[in-house]
Amino acid sequence: MKDNSGYEKFEKAGLDIKLPDIECFKNQFPSYTITIIIPEYTSLCPKTGQPDFGTITIEYEPDKLVLELKSLKTYIQSYRNLGIFYENAVNRIKNDIVKACKPKWLKVKGEFNPRGGMKSIVETTYPAKKAGS
C-alpha cells in the first residue's frame, strides 16, 4: 500500500544507524524483575528536525545476562541527535536490548511529551503479544 502522506522517506529513519553497544554482565539470581526509568529521553523528529522529549521505561526479567546501566545510558543518550519517529525508537530500543541480553521477557514503553496538543505513548513487548491477549 502506497503512503501518500509524504512520509515514505522518513519511515525507516534512525533504524539502521550504528549506536553504542549495550553491555551486560552475568546474572546471579533467578526470577526477578528489573525496571529502568529514563525520564530525560530526547531525539529529533525526522521530518521537522524538532526535538522530542519523553520518558522511556524498560521492564524485563533477565535470563543469563543483566543490562549494564552506564552503557545503557550512553546508548540512550545517542538518540539525542538522531532523527527517528517515536514508534521506531521504542521498537529499536526493544530489539537492541533483546540482541544484547536475551531476557526472558521485556516491555519497553515510551511516554512522549505533548507536541501539537497531543501526547503519545508507545509500548512494545518481547516476546510479542499475540492478537487478542
C-alpha atoms as a PDB file:
ATOM      1  CA  MET A   1       0.000   0.000   0.000  1.00  0.00           C
ATOM      2  CA  LYS A   2       1.434   3.351  -1.020  1.00  0.00           C
ATOM      3  CA  ASP A   3       1.655   6.047   1.617  1.00  0.00           C
ATOM      4  CA  ASN A   4       0.535   9.347   0.073  1.00  0.00           C
ATOM      5  CA  SER A   5       1.379  11.451   3.122  1.00  0.00           C
ATOM      6  CA  GLY A   6       4.948  12.238   2.045  1.00  0.00           C
ATOM      7  CA  TYR A   7       6.468  10.272   4.942  1.00  0.00           C
ATOM      8  CA  GLU A   8       7.973   7.431   2.854  1.00  0.00           C
ATOM      9  CA  LYS A   9      11.496   8.839   3.023  1.00  0.00           C
ATOM     10  CA  PHE A  10      11.268   9.160   6.825  1.00  0.00           C
ATOM     11  CA  GLU A  11       9.657   5.806   7.694  1.00  0.00           C
ATOM     12  CA  LYS A  12      12.915   3.979   8.413  1.00  0.00           C
ATOM     13  CA  ALA A  13      14.858   6.974   9.730  1.00  0.00           C
ATOM     14  CA  GLY A  14      17.142   6.034  12.604  1.00  0.00           C
ATOM     15  CA  LEU A  15      16.682   2.281  12.292  1.00  0.00           C
ATOM     16  CA  ASP A  16      19.993   1.436  10.635  1.00  0.00           C
ATOM     17  CA  ILE A  17      22.310   3.990  12.277  1.00  0.00           C
ATOM     18  CA  LYS A  18      25.136   2.459  14.350  1.00  0.00           C
ATOM     19  CA  LEU A  19      24.607   3.212  18.041  1.00  0.00           C
ATOM     20  CA  PRO A  20      26.839   2.391  21.023  1.00  0.00           C
ATOM     21  CA  ASP A  21      26.731  -1.223  22.190  1.00  0.00           C
ATOM     22  CA  ILE A  22      24.685  -2.126  25.242  1.00  0.00           C
ATOM     23  CA  GLU A  23      26.929  -4.106  27.586  1.00  0.00           C
ATOM     24  CA  CYS A  24      25.778  -6.793  30.003  1.00  0.00           C
ATOM     25  CA  PHE A  25      27.056  -8.794  32.941  1.00  0.00           C
ATOM     26  CA  LYS A  26      26.290 -12.299  34.183  1.00  0.00           C
ATOM     27  CA  ASN A  27      23.015 -12.698  36.085  1.00  0.00           C
ATOM     28  CA  GLN A  28      23.454 -14.150  39.591  1.00  0.00           C
ATOM     29  CA  PHE A  29      19.810 -14.738  40.590  1.00  0.00           C
ATOM     30  CA  PRO A  30      16.650 -16.392  39.238  1.00  0.00           C
ATOM     31  CA  SER A  31      13.158 -14.972  38.770  1.00  0.00           C
ATOM     32  CA  TYR A  32      13.178 -11.230  39.385  1.00  0.00           C
ATOM     33  CA  THR A  33      12.142  -8.110  37.501  1.00  0.00           C
ATOM     34  CA  ILE A  34      14.209  -5.027  36.739  1.00  0.00           C
ATOM     35  CA  THR A  35      12.556  -1.694  35.926  1.00  0.00           C
ATOM     36  CA  ILE A  36      14.642   1.144  34.498  1.00  0.00           C
ATOM     37  CA  ILE A  37      13.061   4.595  34.089  1.00  0.00           C
ATOM     38  CA  ILE A  38      14.787   7.096  31.824  1.00  0.00           C
ATOM     39  CA  PRO A  39      12.981  10.451  32.297  1.00  0.00           C
ATOM     40  CA  GLU A  40      15.245  12.513  30.023  1.00  0.00           C
ATOM     41  CA  TYR A  41      14.936  10.761  26.651  1.00  0.00           C
ATOM     42  CA  THR A  42      15.400  13.084  23.677  1.00  0.00           C
ATOM     43  CA  SER A  43      15.518  12.597  19.913  1.00  0.00           C
ATOM     44  CA  LEU A  44      14.594  14.564  16.801  1.00  0.00           C
ATOM     45  CA  CYS A  45      11.562  14.298  14.562  1.00  0.00           C
ATOM     46  CA  PRO A  46      12.996  13.034  11.253  1.00  0.00           C
ATOM     47  CA  LYS A  47      10.601  15.151   9.203  1.00  0.00           C
ATOM     48  CA  THR A  48      10.727  18.505  11.026  1.00  0.00           C
ATOM     49  CA  GLY A  49      14.025  18.261  12.916  1.00  0.00           C
ATOM     50  CA  GLN A  50      12.200  19.459  16.050  1.00  0.00           C
ATOM     51  CA  PRO A  51      13.238  17.908  19.381  1.00  0.00           C
ATOM     52  CA  ASP A  52      11.121  15.220  21.009  1.00  0.00           C
ATOM     53  CA  PHE A  53      11.208  14.610  24.759  1.00  0.00           C
ATOM     54  CA  GLY A  54       9.849  11.777  26.829  1.00  0.00           C
ATOM     55  CA  THR A  55      10.293   9.030  29.382  1.00  0.00           C
ATOM     56  CA  ILE A  56      11.406   5.544  28.418  1.00  0.00           C
ATOM     57  CA  THR A  57      10.540   2.730  30.831  1.00  0.00           C
ATOM     58  CA  ILE A  58      12.267  -0.620  30.401  1.00  0.00           C
ATOM     59  CA  GLU A  59      10.940  -3.564  32.387  1.00  0.00           C
ATOM     60  CA  TYR A  60      12.388  -7.044  31.988  1.00  0.00           C
ATOM     61  CA  GLU A  61      13.224 -10.363  33.583  1.00  0.00           C
ATOM     62  CA  PRO A  62      16.858 -11.238  32.998  1.00  0.00           C
ATOM     63  CA  ASP A  63      17.865 -14.698  31.909  1.00  0.00           C
ATOM     64  CA  LYS A  64      21.640 -15.214  31.743  1.00  0.00           C
ATOM     65  CA  LEU A  65      22.604 -11.542  31.345  1.00  0.00           C
ATOM     66  CA  VAL A  66      21.720  -8.211  33.001  1.00  0.00           C
ATOM     67  CA  LEU A  67      21.919  -4.808  31.304  1.00  0.00           C
ATOM     68  CA  GLU A  68      24.859  -2.695  32.446  1.00  0.00           C
ATOM     69  CA  LEU A  69      23.446   0.758  33.222  1.00  0.00           C
ATOM     70  CA  LYS A  70      26.338   3.015  32.188  1.00  0.00           C
ATOM     71  CA  SER A  71      26.401   1.548  28.673  1.00  0.00           C
ATOM     72  CA  LEU A  72      22.580   1.741  28.521  1.00  0.00           C
ATOM     73  CA  LYS A  73      22.806   5.427  29.449  1.00  0.00           C
ATOM     74  CA  THR A  74      25.342   6.060  26.679  1.00  0.00           C
ATOM     75  CA  TYR A  75      23.158   4.138  24.238  1.00  0.00           C
ATOM     76  CA  ILE A  76      20.018   6.146  25.133  1.00  0.00           C
ATOM     77  CA  GLN A  77      21.922   9.450  25.012  1.00  0.00           C
ATOM     78  CA  SER A  78      22.947   8.635  21.426  1.00  0.00           C
ATOM     79  CA  TYR A  79      19.306   9.213  20.396  1.00  0.00           C
ATOM     80  CA  ARG A  80      19.688  12.924  21.259  1.00  0.00           C
ATOM     81  CA  ASN A  81      20.669  13.974  17.713  1.00  0.00           C
ATOM     82  CA  LEU A  82      19.017  11.071  15.901  1.00  0.00           C
ATOM     83  CA  GLY A  83      16.067  11.688  13.605  1.00  0.00           C
ATOM     84  CA  ILE A  84      13.628   8.886  14.483  1.00  0.00           C
ATOM     85  CA  PHE A  85       9.865   8.516  14.941  1.00  0.00           C
ATOM     86  CA  TYR A  86       8.567   7.523  18.408  1.00  0.00           C
ATOM     87  CA  GLU A  87       7.378   4.137  17.172  1.00  0.00           C
ATOM     88  CA  ASN A  88      10.734   3.366  15.572  1.00  0.00           C
ATOM     89  CA  ALA A  89      12.668   4.450  18.667  1.00  0.00           C
ATOM     90  CA  VAL A  90      10.680   2.290  21.100  1.00  0.00           C
ATOM     91  CA  ASN A  91      10.860  -0.759  18.836  1.00  0.00           C
ATOM     92  CA  ARG A  92      14.561  -0.241  18.119  1.00  0.00           C
ATOM     93  CA  ILE A  93      15.314   0.008  21.850  1.00  0.00           C
ATOM     94  CA  LYS A  94      13.441  -3.270  22.371  1.00  0.00           C
ATOM     95  CA  ASN A  95      15.279  -5.008  19.534  1.00  0.00           C
ATOM     96  CA  ASP A  96      18.687  -3.764  20.687  1.00  0.00           C
ATOM     97  CA  ILE A  97      18.069  -4.882  24.291  1.00  0.00           C
ATOM     98  CA  VAL A  98      16.884  -8.320  23.138  1.00  0.00           C
ATOM     99  CA  LYS A  99      20.005  -8.639  20.996  1.00  0.00           C
ATOM    100  CA  ALA A 100      22.247  -7.604  23.911  1.00  0.00           C
ATOM    101  CA  CYS A 101      20.884  -9.710  26.791  1.00  0.00           C
ATOM    102  CA  LYS A 102      18.120 -12.034  25.519  1.00  0.00           C
ATOM    103  CA  PRO A 103      15.778 -11.519  28.501  1.00  0.00           C
ATOM    104  CA  LYS A 104      13.019 -13.952  29.451  1.00  0.00           C
ATOM    105  CA  TRP A 105      10.568 -11.131  28.690  1.00  0.00           C
ATOM    106  CA  LEU A 106      10.767  -7.399  28.100  1.00  0.00           C
ATOM    107  CA  LYS A 107       8.465  -4.388  27.897  1.00  0.00           C
ATOM    108  CA  VAL A 108       9.601  -1.016  26.580  1.00  0.00           C
ATOM    109  CA  LYS A 109       7.263   1.945  26.978  1.00  0.00           C
ATOM    110  CA  GLY A 110       7.818   5.432  25.603  1.00  0.00           C
ATOM    111  CA  GLU A 111       5.716   8.265  27.028  1.00  0.00           C
ATOM    112  CA  PHE A 112       6.389  11.313  24.900  1.00  0.00           C
ATOM    113  CA  ASN A 113       5.712  14.890  25.935  1.00  0.00           C
ATOM    114  CA  PRO A 114       2.843  16.662  24.199  1.00  0.00           C
ATOM    115  CA  ARG A 115       3.580  18.170  20.824  1.00  0.00           C
ATOM    116  CA  GLY A 116       0.860  19.919  18.881  1.00  0.00           C
ATOM    117  CA  GLY A 117      -1.509  19.306  21.791  1.00  0.00           C
ATOM    118  CA  MET A 118      -1.137  15.503  21.657  1.00  0.00           C
ATOM    119  CA  LYS A 119       0.742  13.113  23.926  1.00  0.00           C
ATOM    120  CA  SER A 120       1.859   9.759  22.522  1.00  0.00           C
ATOM    121  CA  ILE A 121       2.517   6.524  24.407  1.00  0.00           C
ATOM    122  CA  VAL A 122       4.166   3.679  22.506  1.00  0.00           C
ATOM    123  CA  GLU A 123       4.613   0.239  24.090  1.00  0.00           C
ATOM    124  CA  THR A 124       6.153  -2.964  22.765  1.00  0.00           C
ATOM    125  CA  THR A 125       6.908  -6.360  24.276  1.00  0.00           C
ATOM    126  CA  TYR A 126       9.189  -9.334  23.801  1.00  0.00           C
ATOM    127  CA  PRO A 127       8.140 -11.899  23.072  1.00  0.00           C
ATOM    128  CA  ALA A 128       5.468 -10.155  21.045  1.00  0.00           C
ATOM    129  CA  LYS A 129       1.929 -10.272  22.430  1.00  0.00           C
ATOM    130  CA  LYS A 130      -0.439 -12.389  20.381  1.00  0.00           C
ATOM    131  CA  ALA A 131      -3.550 -10.766  18.935  1.00  0.00           C
ATOM    132  CA  GLY A 132      -6.369 -10.707  21.479  1.00  0.00           C
ATOM    133  CA  SER A 133      -4.133 -11.128  24.523  1.00  0.00           C
END
